[in-house]
Amino acid sequence: MTTNHRARRWATTGAGLALALSLAACGGNVGGGSSAEGEEFPGGDPITMLVGQDPGGSTDLIARAAADILSDELGVAVTVENQPGANGALAAQSLAGEEPDGHTLMVYNGSLAYITPLATEDAPDIADFDIVTGLSLDDYVLVTAPGSGFTSVEDLAAAGRPITFGTTGVGTGSQLSQELLFAQADIDATAVPFDGGSPTLTAVLGGQVDVGSIQLGEAIEQIEAGELTPIVTFAEERPSYLPDTPTAVEAGYDVPVQQSRAVFAPQGVPDDVMQTLRDAFQTAFDDEGYQQFNEDNLLTPNELDGEEIRERWTENLEKYRAVVEEYGIELGGE
């Protein structure tokens, strides 16, 4: 896929996002749906889909891509509501306080489930939620500005000075991937946390930090334009989108870290309502437009059953806890 085509897809998504935000400001919806008089779903009340990140980021765009299809399938309006803060913990707190009737959902980032708990005891527990379905996976890539002169982990190790690395927040996959890499490579490095991928990307481009670990879908345009140099990816295998960039595993470091997303609901959703939601999401997954969205934004489908997501994320938490303890990493800082 060419850069121009991808840019057009992002531009199209951005236009839809602008419209959605405009409608939201006027009390409107992302998906049109039907009025309460039309009933459908279990009752005609709208669905609110919470997002714990700012508008325009990967998680937000994923939610909006699914919302239109869900609205058509369920016959009710589906509104995306951004509640950014604490890597999604604020939105999760809101979700936990809602009625378990299927009318409030959340696109939940995996890092909040299996990395944030390593940084703070106040992280939400996924045992307190129902999980509707998995969504997708997103790879992280370590990038730098071309002017830095860094092209490999060896270059960073030979810098002769401490390295600064931007992260998308405390307790995120961005932070963990770099902390593990630099600990294993014995590189003196200092984390500089930002609030999300966009400001981290800006800091790397502007030379405010030496490197940053950013989700591939958010960095690929700048990489293809030559504005960023990819050093390693944190996937287990080389992503097809960056065939010439080695993984950290290839470079000799045990650092497979990916972002994962799933749809959560308050605990106690009735079985029939849950099945209706799962069927609606399956319709979205089968939709050619949604599949194209995943491809254009370098997202790997991970449309697993909710309980399988719970099992995998719990395993991830234990795996990351062990490796963090092994290297003496403090994700929460001093």
Protein backbone atom coordinates (compact mmCIF):
# COMPACT_ATOMS: atom_id res chain seq x y z
CA MET A 1 0.00 0.00 0.00
CA THR A 2 1.42 3.40 -0.94
CA THR A 3 1.98 6.26 1.47
CA ASN A 4 -0.39 8.47 -0.51
CA HIS A 5 -3.21 5.92 -0.26
CA ARG A 6 -2.65 5.55 3.47
CA ALA A 7 -2.57 9.31 3.88
CA ARG A 8 -5.90 9.56 2.07
CA ARG A 9 -7.37 6.90 4.38
CA TRP A 10 -6.17 8.78 7.47
CA ALA A 11 -7.51 12.01 5.98
CA THR A 12 -10.87 10.35 5.45
CA THR A 13 -10.82 9.06 9.01
CA GLY A 14 -9.83 12.49 10.25
CA ALA A 15 -12.75 14.10 8.46
CA GLY A 16 -15.09 11.58 10.03
CA LEU A 17 -13.52 12.28 13.40
CA ALA A 18 -14.02 16.03 12.99
CA LEU A 19 -17.67 15.46 12.08
CA ALA A 20 -18.12 13.11 15.02
CA LEU A 21 -16.62 15.61 17.46
CA SER A 22 -18.79 18.36 16.00
CA LEU A 23 -21.89 16.21 16.42
CA ALA A 24 -20.87 15.29 19.94
CA ALA A 25 -20.54 18.96 20.82
CA CYS A 26 -24.12 19.42 19.61
CA GLY A 27 -25.39 16.39 21.47
CA GLY A 28 -25.23 14.16 18.38
CA ASN A 29 -23.84 10.69 17.76
CA VAL A 30 -21.12 8.90 15.83
CA GLY A 31 -23.60 6.32 14.56
CA GLY A 32 -27.06 7.46 13.53
CA GLY A 33 -29.03 4.51 14.82
CA SER A 34 -32.72 4.90 15.57
CA SER A 35 -34.73 6.73 18.16
CA ALA A 36 -35.98 5.16 21.34
CA GLU A 37 -39.32 4.68 19.63
CA GLY A 38 -37.68 2.26 17.21
CA GLU A 39 -36.56 0.07 20.10
CA GLU A 40 -34.17 -2.69 18.88
CA PHE A 41 -31.04 -3.69 20.79
CA PRO A 42 -32.51 -4.37 24.22
CA GLY A 43 -34.46 -1.15 24.20
CA GLY A 44 -33.80 1.91 22.07
CA ASP A 45 -31.50 3.82 24.44
CA PRO A 46 -28.16 4.80 22.89
CA ILE A 47 -24.87 3.05 23.57
CA THR A 48 -21.94 5.05 24.92
CA MET A 49 -18.50 3.71 24.04
CA LEU A 50 -15.86 5.12 26.39
CA VAL A 51 -12.29 5.75 25.26
CA GLY A 52 -9.61 6.49 27.84
CA GLN A 53 -7.42 8.40 25.39
CA ASP A 54 -7.64 11.70 23.52
CA PRO A 55 -9.55 12.08 20.24
CA GLY A 56 -7.52 11.22 17.15
CA GLY A 57 -5.31 8.50 18.64
CA SER A 58 -5.36 4.86 17.66
CA THR A 59 -7.78 3.73 20.37
CA ASP A 60 -10.20 6.54 19.57
CA LEU A 61 -10.17 5.83 15.84
CA ILE A 62 -10.74 2.11 16.42
CA ALA A 63 -13.77 2.90 18.56
CA ARG A 64 -15.21 5.21 15.92
CA ALA A 65 -14.59 2.72 13.11
CA ALA A 66 -16.64 0.12 14.98
CA ALA A 67 -19.33 2.51 16.24
CA ASP A 68 -20.92 3.23 12.85
CA ILE A 69 -21.35 -0.47 12.08
CA LEU A 70 -22.65 -1.26 15.57
CA SER A 71 -25.23 1.50 15.26
CA ASP A 72 -26.54 0.13 11.99
CA GLU A 73 -26.59 -3.43 13.28
CA LEU A 74 -28.22 -2.74 16.65
CA GLY A 75 -30.58 0.00 15.51
CA VAL A 76 -29.54 2.49 18.21
CA ALA A 77 -27.19 5.45 18.31
CA VAL A 78 -23.60 4.68 19.38
CA THR A 79 -21.66 7.62 20.82
CA VAL A 80 -17.91 7.62 21.43
CA GLU A 81 -17.03 9.53 24.61
CA ASN A 82 -13.38 10.38 25.36
CA GLN A 83 -12.36 10.37 29.02
CA PRO A 84 -8.56 10.60 28.81
CA GLY A 85 -6.27 10.25 31.79
CA ALA A 86 -4.08 7.77 33.66
CA ASN A 87 -3.63 5.50 30.62
CA GLY A 88 -7.37 4.86 30.54
CA ALA A 89 -7.87 4.26 34.25
CA LEU A 90 -10.26 7.20 34.61
CA ALA A 91 -12.53 5.85 31.88
CA ALA A 92 -12.37 2.37 33.43
CA GLN A 93 -13.45 3.84 36.75
CA SER A 94 -16.43 5.44 35.03
CA LEU A 95 -17.30 2.17 33.32
CA ALA A 96 -17.26 0.25 36.59
CA GLY A 97 -19.91 2.58 37.99
CA GLU A 98 -22.38 2.12 35.11
CA GLU A 99 -25.33 -0.26 34.97
CA PRO A 100 -24.49 -3.62 33.34
CA ASP A 101 -27.19 -3.30 30.70
CA GLY A 102 -24.99 -3.22 27.59
CA HIS A 103 -25.48 0.49 27.03
CA THR A 104 -22.04 1.53 28.27
CA LEU A 105 -18.92 -0.08 26.81
CA MET A 106 -15.22 0.81 26.68
CA VAL A 107 -12.40 0.19 24.25
CA TYR A 108 -9.89 -1.00 26.84
CA ASN A 109 -6.15 -0.92 26.19
CA GLY A 110 -4.27 -4.07 27.17
CA SER A 111 -1.44 -2.04 28.67
CA LEU A 112 -3.89 -0.83 31.34
CA ALA A 113 -4.48 -4.48 32.28
CA TYR A 114 -0.97 -5.94 32.16
CA ILE A 115 1.52 -3.05 32.40
CA THR A 116 -0.06 -0.23 34.42
CA PRO A 117 -0.52 -2.55 37.48
CA LEU A 118 3.28 -2.84 37.55
CA ALA A 119 3.54 0.95 37.95
CA THR A 120 0.75 1.63 40.45
CA GLU A 121 -1.38 -0.25 42.94
CA ASP A 122 -4.35 1.87 41.89
CA ALA A 123 -4.70 0.27 38.44
CA PRO A 124 -8.13 -1.25 37.71
CA ASP A 125 -8.54 -5.02 37.88
CA ILE A 126 -9.96 -6.71 34.77
CA ALA A 127 -11.69 -9.23 37.06
CA ASP A 128 -14.14 -6.43 37.82
CA PHE A 129 -15.42 -6.24 34.23
CA ASP A 130 -17.10 -8.35 31.58
CA ILE A 131 -15.20 -8.62 28.30
CA VAL A 132 -17.25 -8.54 25.12
CA THR A 133 -14.55 -9.28 22.55
CA GLY A 134 -10.98 -8.69 21.53
CA LEU A 135 -10.29 -6.15 18.78
CA SER A 136 -6.76 -5.79 17.46
CA LEU A 137 -3.01 -5.70 18.14
CA ASP A 138 -0.65 -2.81 17.45
CA ASP A 139 3.16 -3.07 17.32
CA TYR A 140 5.56 -0.61 18.90
CA VAL A 141 8.60 0.72 17.03
CA LEU A 142 11.62 2.52 18.49
CA VAL A 143 12.24 5.63 16.42
CA THR A 144 14.61 8.58 16.33
CA ALA A 145 15.04 11.71 14.26
CA PRO A 146 17.47 11.21 11.34
CA GLY A 147 19.69 13.98 12.66
CA SER A 148 20.47 12.01 15.81
CA GLY A 149 22.80 9.70 13.89
CA PHE A 150 21.40 6.65 15.69
CA THR A 151 20.44 3.69 13.51
CA SER A 152 20.85 0.71 15.86
CA VAL A 153 20.82 -0.31 19.51
CA GLU A 154 24.61 -0.53 19.26
CA ASP A 155 24.71 3.15 18.30
CA LEU A 156 22.72 4.04 21.41
CA ALA A 157 25.05 1.98 23.60
CA ALA A 158 28.08 3.74 22.10
CA ALA A 159 26.66 7.26 22.52
CA GLY A 160 29.00 8.03 25.40
CA ARG A 161 26.25 9.83 27.30
CA PRO A 162 22.88 9.06 28.88
CA ILE A 163 20.00 8.54 26.42
CA THR A 164 16.63 10.21 26.86
CA PHE A 165 13.59 8.25 25.71
CA GLY A 166 10.05 9.48 25.28
CA THR A 167 7.15 7.34 26.46
CA THR A 168 3.41 7.66 25.87
CA GLY A 169 2.87 7.65 29.64
CA VAL A 170 3.76 5.90 32.88
CA GLY A 171 2.80 2.23 32.92
CA THR A 172 2.39 1.93 29.15
CA GLY A 173 3.80 -0.51 26.61
CA SER A 174 5.86 2.36 25.27
CA GLN A 175 7.61 2.71 28.62
CA LEU A 176 7.98 -1.01 29.31
CA SER A 177 9.43 -1.83 25.88
CA GLN A 178 12.17 0.77 26.26
CA GLU A 179 12.91 0.10 29.93
CA LEU A 180 13.42 -3.59 29.14
CA LEU A 181 15.55 -2.90 26.08
CA PHE A 182 17.86 -0.44 27.80
CA ALA A 183 18.18 -2.60 30.91
CA GLN A 184 19.16 -5.64 28.86
CA ALA A 185 21.52 -3.61 26.65
CA ASP A 186 23.06 -1.92 29.72
CA ILE A 187 22.32 1.54 28.34
CA ASP A 188 22.10 4.47 30.74
CA ALA A 189 18.75 6.00 29.80
CA THR A 190 16.14 8.31 31.33
CA ALA A 191 12.41 8.15 30.65
CA VAL A 192 10.53 11.31 29.66
CA PRO A 193 6.79 10.57 29.89
CA PHE A 194 4.23 12.30 27.69
CA ASP A 195 0.46 11.97 27.57
CA GLY A 196 -0.10 9.81 24.48
CA GLY A 197 1.52 8.98 21.17
CA SER A 198 1.12 12.34 19.44
CA PRO A 199 3.18 14.43 21.90
CA THR A 200 5.78 11.65 22.11
CA LEU A 201 6.07 11.64 18.33
CA THR A 202 6.42 15.43 18.30
CA ALA A 203 9.17 15.28 20.93
CA VAL A 204 11.17 12.75 18.91
CA LEU A 205 10.74 14.71 15.68
CA GLY A 206 11.85 17.90 17.43
CA GLY A 207 14.86 16.33 19.13
CA GLN A 208 13.53 16.92 22.63
CA VAL A 209 14.28 13.25 23.33
CA ASP A 210 16.72 10.92 21.61
CA VAL A 211 14.27 8.11 20.91
CA GLY A 212 10.71 7.05 21.59
CA SER A 213 8.64 3.87 21.38
CA ILE A 214 5.48 4.64 19.42
CA GLN A 215 2.72 2.50 17.97
CA LEU A 216 3.56 1.66 14.39
CA GLY A 217 0.30 2.96 12.97
CA GLU A 218 1.02 6.39 14.45
CA ALA A 219 4.60 6.60 13.15
CA ILE A 220 4.54 4.87 9.76
CA GLU A 221 3.85 7.98 7.66
CA GLN A 222 6.82 9.83 9.14
CA ILE A 223 9.00 6.72 8.73
CA GLU A 224 8.05 6.37 5.06
CA ALA A 225 8.61 10.10 4.53
CA GLY A 226 12.12 9.84 5.96
CA GLU A 227 11.27 12.06 8.93
CA LEU A 228 11.88 9.25 11.44
CA THR A 229 14.44 6.46 11.52
CA PRO A 230 13.17 3.12 12.86
CA ILE A 231 15.73 1.34 15.03
CA VAL A 232 13.90 -1.82 16.14
CA THR A 233 10.34 -3.01 16.50
CA PHE A 234 9.09 -4.74 19.63
CA ALA A 235 7.07 -7.38 17.78
CA GLU A 236 7.98 -11.06 17.96
CA GLU A 237 8.43 -11.14 14.18
CA ARG A 238 9.17 -8.38 11.68
CA PRO A 239 5.93 -6.62 10.71
CA SER A 240 5.27 -6.81 6.98
CA TYR A 241 5.00 -3.02 6.99
CA LEU A 242 8.68 -2.67 8.08
CA PRO A 243 10.43 -5.64 6.51
CA ASP A 244 13.89 -4.05 6.73
CA THR A 245 13.72 -3.12 10.41
CA PRO A 246 14.89 -5.81 12.85
CA THR A 247 12.95 -6.75 15.94
CA ALA A 248 14.50 -6.27 19.35
CA VAL A 249 14.34 -10.05 19.68
CA GLU A 250 16.47 -10.42 16.54
CA ALA A 251 18.93 -7.93 17.99
CA GLY A 252 19.35 -10.25 20.97
CA TYR A 253 16.94 -8.77 23.51
CA ASP A 254 13.89 -10.43 25.10
CA VAL A 255 11.48 -7.54 24.59
CA PRO A 256 8.28 -8.61 22.81
CA VAL A 257 5.72 -5.93 23.78
CA GLN A 258 2.52 -5.20 21.87
CA GLN A 259 -0.53 -3.05 22.47
CA SER A 260 -3.79 -4.99 22.55
CA ARG A 261 -7.35 -3.71 22.69
CA ALA A 262 -10.68 -5.23 23.67
CA VAL A 263 -14.24 -4.14 24.42
CA PHE A 264 -15.17 -4.12 28.10
CA ALA A 265 -18.52 -3.75 29.87
CA PRO A 266 -19.56 -3.37 33.52
CA GLN A 267 -19.64 -6.70 35.32
CA GLY A 268 -22.96 -8.55 35.19
CA VAL A 269 -24.27 -7.98 31.65
CA PRO A 270 -27.13 -10.48 30.99
CA ASP A 271 -26.18 -13.37 28.71
CA ASP A 272 -28.67 -12.49 25.99
CA VAL A 273 -27.52 -8.87 25.87
CA MET A 274 -23.87 -9.96 25.77
CA GLN A 275 -24.57 -12.32 22.87
CA THR A 276 -26.35 -9.55 20.96
CA LEU A 277 -23.32 -7.30 21.41
CA ARG A 278 -20.91 -10.03 20.34
CA ASP A 279 -22.96 -10.74 17.23
CA ALA A 280 -22.95 -7.04 16.36
CA PHE A 281 -19.17 -6.81 16.75
CA GLN A 282 -18.77 -9.90 14.58
CA THR A 283 -20.74 -8.09 11.88
CA ALA A 284 -18.26 -5.22 12.20
CA PHE A 285 -15.30 -7.59 11.96
CA ASP A 286 -16.75 -9.09 8.77
CA ASP A 287 -17.31 -5.68 7.21
CA GLU A 288 -14.92 -4.89 4.32
CA GLY A 289 -14.64 -1.26 5.37
CA TYR A 290 -13.61 -2.20 8.90
CA GLN A 291 -11.10 -4.73 7.59
CA GLN A 292 -9.66 -2.05 5.32
CA PHE A 293 -9.42 0.29 8.31
CA ASN A 294 -7.31 -2.30 10.15
CA GLU A 295 -5.07 -2.78 7.14
CA ASP A 296 -4.61 0.92 6.49
CA ASN A 297 -3.73 1.58 10.13
CA LEU A 298 -1.39 -1.44 10.47
CA LEU A 299 -3.60 -3.17 13.02
CA THR A 300 -3.56 -6.96 13.37
CA PRO A 301 -7.03 -8.41 14.05
CA ASN A 302 -7.24 -10.04 17.48
CA GLU A 303 -10.96 -10.75 17.59
CA LEU A 304 -10.88 -13.35 20.33
CA ASP A 305 -13.60 -14.41 22.75
CA GLY A 306 -13.77 -12.26 25.85
CA GLU A 307 -12.66 -14.98 28.25
CA GLU A 308 -9.70 -15.84 26.04
CA ILE A 309 -8.69 -12.19 26.18
CA ARG A 310 -8.95 -12.30 29.97
CA GLU A 311 -6.74 -15.39 30.12
CA ARG A 312 -4.09 -13.95 27.79
CA TRP A 313 -3.97 -10.58 29.48
CA THR A 314 -3.63 -12.23 32.90
CA GLU A 315 -0.74 -14.30 31.54
CA ASN A 316 0.85 -11.15 30.13
CA LEU A 317 0.66 -9.46 33.52
CA GLU A 318 2.48 -12.32 35.20
CA LYS A 319 5.08 -12.52 32.41
CA TYR A 320 5.84 -8.80 32.54
CA ARG A 321 5.85 -8.79 36.33
CA ALA A 322 8.53 -11.48 36.33
CA VAL A 323 10.77 -9.73 33.80
CA VAL A 324 10.40 -6.33 35.49
CA GLU A 325 11.45 -7.90 38.79
CA GLU A 326 14.35 -9.71 37.07
CA TYR A 327 15.84 -6.44 35.79
CA GLY A 328 14.90 -4.31 38.78
CA ILE A 329 12.77 -1.92 36.73
CA GLU A 330 10.56 0.59 38.56
CA LEU A 331 7.88 1.68 36.07
CA GLY A 332 6.31 4.08 38.57
CA GLY A 333 9.53 6.01 39.07
CA GLU A 334 10.99 7.07 42.33
